[in-house]
Amino acid sequence: MTDYTPRLFPDDASIIHVGEGLLARTLPRELWTHEAHLAACLWIVRDRAEIDAESDMRNIISSYNVAVGGVNDEAQGYHETITQVYIAAVRAHLREIGESSLRDAVNALLLSPRGRRELPLAHYSRERLFSVEARLGFVEPDLRPLAEI
């Protein structure tokens, strides 16, 4: 694991701004960080019941990537397996923490093992996780089941 201190969010409004910017495809590309990915995911899972994260995030993130000049192909852009890992992590985190403010929920996630950049590699070998198959579609883990997330 690399030593990395996440950038925390100062308030609920800053998280909602990221989530709404993602959905509207207006969030500046430089703000689409690891922390922003997790904050938007948690906000969508927790507060946007009309969005089915497991099935809708592919289109949401892929569309955003294109809108800000990115490409989604076999080598870059949207990654289905990594997205599904973090959705599972967000759901597990929310079950564990119970009621809290959006800011507290997101910042607790970012500071937890579930919020680390290396989380997927606890469940997948590097070769499997970074395969074309895993980028384009969900593949089951080869090291530890996601139920242990």
Protein backbone atom coordinates (compact mmCIF):
# COMPACT_ATOMS: atom_id res chain seq x y z
CA MET A 1 0.00 0.00 0.00
CA THR A 2 1.21 3.45 -0.80
CA ASP A 3 1.15 6.15 1.81
CA TYR A 4 -1.43 8.65 0.63
CA THR A 5 -3.48 11.20 2.54
CA PRO A 6 -6.85 11.74 0.87
CA ARG A 7 -8.27 15.18 0.25
CA LEU A 8 -11.34 15.44 2.47
CA PHE A 9 -14.52 17.37 1.74
CA PRO A 10 -15.35 20.43 3.87
CA ASP A 11 -19.14 20.10 3.68
CA ASP A 12 -22.12 18.34 2.10
CA ALA A 13 -22.46 21.04 -0.58
CA SER A 14 -19.00 20.30 -2.01
CA ILE A 15 -19.93 16.62 -2.41
CA ILE A 16 -23.28 17.40 -3.99
CA HIS A 17 -21.48 19.79 -6.36
CA VAL A 18 -19.23 16.94 -7.52
CA GLY A 19 -22.14 14.51 -7.89
CA GLU A 20 -24.33 16.95 -9.77
CA GLY A 21 -21.40 17.99 -11.95
CA LEU A 22 -20.81 14.34 -12.83
CA LEU A 23 -24.46 13.78 -13.73
CA ALA A 24 -24.66 17.01 -15.74
CA ARG A 25 -21.24 16.33 -17.30
CA THR A 26 -20.09 19.81 -16.24
CA LEU A 27 -17.58 19.00 -13.51
CA PRO A 28 -14.15 20.27 -14.60
CA ARG A 29 -11.94 17.33 -15.51
CA GLU A 30 -9.24 18.34 -13.01
CA LEU A 31 -11.78 17.92 -10.18
CA TRP A 32 -12.55 14.31 -11.18
CA THR A 33 -10.13 12.80 -8.67
CA HIS A 34 -10.17 9.50 -6.80
CA GLU A 35 -11.88 11.28 -3.91
CA ALA A 36 -14.46 12.78 -6.27
CA HIS A 37 -15.23 9.35 -7.72
CA LEU A 38 -15.93 7.96 -4.26
CA ALA A 39 -17.85 11.02 -3.08
CA ALA A 40 -20.10 10.97 -6.15
CA CYS A 41 -20.62 7.24 -5.83
CA LEU A 42 -21.59 7.47 -2.16
CA TRP A 43 -23.94 10.40 -2.85
CA ILE A 44 -25.59 8.51 -5.72
CA VAL A 45 -25.98 5.29 -3.72
CA ARG A 46 -27.22 7.06 -0.59
CA ASP A 47 -29.24 10.00 -1.87
CA ARG A 48 -30.25 9.29 -5.47
CA ALA A 49 -32.55 6.27 -5.20
CA GLU A 50 -33.73 6.73 -8.79
CA ILE A 51 -30.24 5.80 -10.00
CA ASP A 52 -29.25 2.13 -9.96
CA ALA A 53 -25.52 2.50 -9.36
CA GLU A 54 -24.60 -1.02 -10.41
CA SER A 55 -26.18 -0.66 -13.85
CA ASP A 56 -26.20 3.12 -14.43
CA MET A 57 -22.65 4.13 -13.46
CA ARG A 58 -21.18 2.79 -16.71
CA ASN A 59 -23.22 5.26 -18.76
CA ILE A 60 -22.86 8.10 -16.23
CA ILE A 61 -19.07 7.92 -16.04
CA SER A 62 -18.51 7.04 -19.70
CA SER A 63 -20.67 9.96 -20.83
CA TYR A 64 -18.86 12.29 -18.44
CA ASN A 65 -15.47 11.11 -19.73
CA VAL A 66 -16.44 11.87 -23.32
CA ALA A 67 -17.94 15.24 -22.37
CA VAL A 68 -14.63 16.37 -20.86
CA GLY A 69 -12.57 15.16 -23.81
CA GLY A 70 -11.73 11.67 -22.62
CA VAL A 71 -11.94 8.31 -24.36
CA ASN A 72 -13.48 5.05 -23.19
CA ASP A 73 -11.76 2.13 -24.89
CA GLU A 74 -9.79 -1.01 -24.11
CA ALA A 75 -6.91 0.96 -22.57
CA GLN A 76 -8.36 4.08 -20.91
CA GLY A 77 -11.43 5.71 -19.48
CA TYR A 78 -14.25 3.83 -17.82
CA HIS A 79 -13.31 0.61 -15.99
CA GLU A 80 -16.30 -1.60 -15.16
CA THR A 81 -14.67 -3.92 -12.61
CA ILE A 82 -13.06 -1.13 -10.59
CA THR A 83 -16.36 0.76 -10.58
CA GLN A 84 -18.25 -2.28 -9.29
CA VAL A 85 -15.63 -2.86 -6.57
CA TYR A 86 -16.08 0.67 -5.26
CA ILE A 87 -19.88 0.50 -5.45
CA ALA A 88 -19.69 -2.64 -3.28
CA ALA A 89 -17.29 -0.84 -0.92
CA VAL A 90 -19.62 2.18 -0.65
CA ARG A 91 -22.61 -0.05 0.09
CA ALA A 92 -20.67 -1.96 2.77
CA HIS A 93 -19.44 1.31 4.27
CA LEU A 94 -22.94 2.78 4.45
CA ARG A 95 -24.30 -0.36 6.13
CA GLU A 96 -21.51 -0.19 8.68
CA ILE A 97 -21.67 3.49 9.63
CA GLY A 98 -25.43 3.98 9.88
CA GLU A 99 -26.87 7.50 9.97
CA SER A 100 -24.45 10.39 9.45
CA SER A 101 -24.10 13.56 7.42
CA LEU A 102 -23.02 13.20 3.82
CA ARG A 103 -19.69 14.89 4.60
CA ASP A 104 -18.99 12.59 7.53
CA ALA A 105 -19.95 9.49 5.53
CA VAL A 106 -17.73 10.43 2.56
CA ASN A 107 -14.75 11.51 4.66
CA ALA A 108 -14.96 8.36 6.80
CA LEU A 109 -14.96 6.30 3.60
CA LEU A 110 -11.94 8.17 2.23
CA LEU A 111 -10.03 7.55 5.47
CA SER A 112 -10.96 3.86 5.65
CA PRO A 113 -9.36 0.86 3.93
CA ARG A 114 -12.41 0.78 1.60
CA GLY A 115 -11.51 4.23 0.30
CA ARG A 116 -7.91 3.46 -0.59
CA ARG A 117 -6.76 3.52 -4.18
CA GLU A 118 -5.33 0.02 -3.78
CA LEU A 119 -8.59 -1.56 -2.59
CA PRO A 120 -9.27 -3.48 -5.81
CA LEU A 121 -5.81 -5.08 -5.63
CA ALA A 122 -6.76 -6.71 -2.32
CA HIS A 123 -9.29 -8.74 -4.32
CA TYR A 124 -7.72 -9.00 -7.78
CA SER A 125 -4.31 -9.82 -9.15
CA ARG A 126 -2.86 -6.90 -11.09
CA GLU A 127 -3.01 -8.95 -14.30
CA ARG A 128 -6.71 -9.76 -13.92
CA LEU A 129 -7.77 -6.28 -12.74
CA PHE A 130 -6.00 -4.45 -15.54
CA SER A 131 -7.09 -6.83 -18.28
CA VAL A 132 -9.22 -5.63 -21.19
CA GLU A 133 -11.93 -8.03 -20.03
CA ALA A 134 -12.08 -6.37 -16.58
CA ARG A 135 -12.15 -2.87 -18.08
CA LEU A 136 -14.98 -3.62 -20.49
CA GLY A 137 -17.07 -5.86 -18.22
CA PHE A 138 -17.21 -7.09 -14.66
CA VAL A 139 -14.94 -10.01 -13.81
CA GLU A 140 -15.01 -11.93 -10.55
CA PRO A 141 -12.03 -11.48 -8.22
CA ASP A 142 -9.25 -14.05 -8.21
CA LEU A 143 -7.78 -13.32 -4.75
CA ARG A 144 -10.59 -12.54 -2.27
CA PRO A 145 -14.37 -12.43 -2.77
CA LEU A 146 -16.01 -9.03 -2.86
CA ALA A 147 -18.26 -10.20 -0.03
CA GLU A 148 -15.22 -9.58 2.19
CA ILE A 149 -14.95 -5.94 1.16
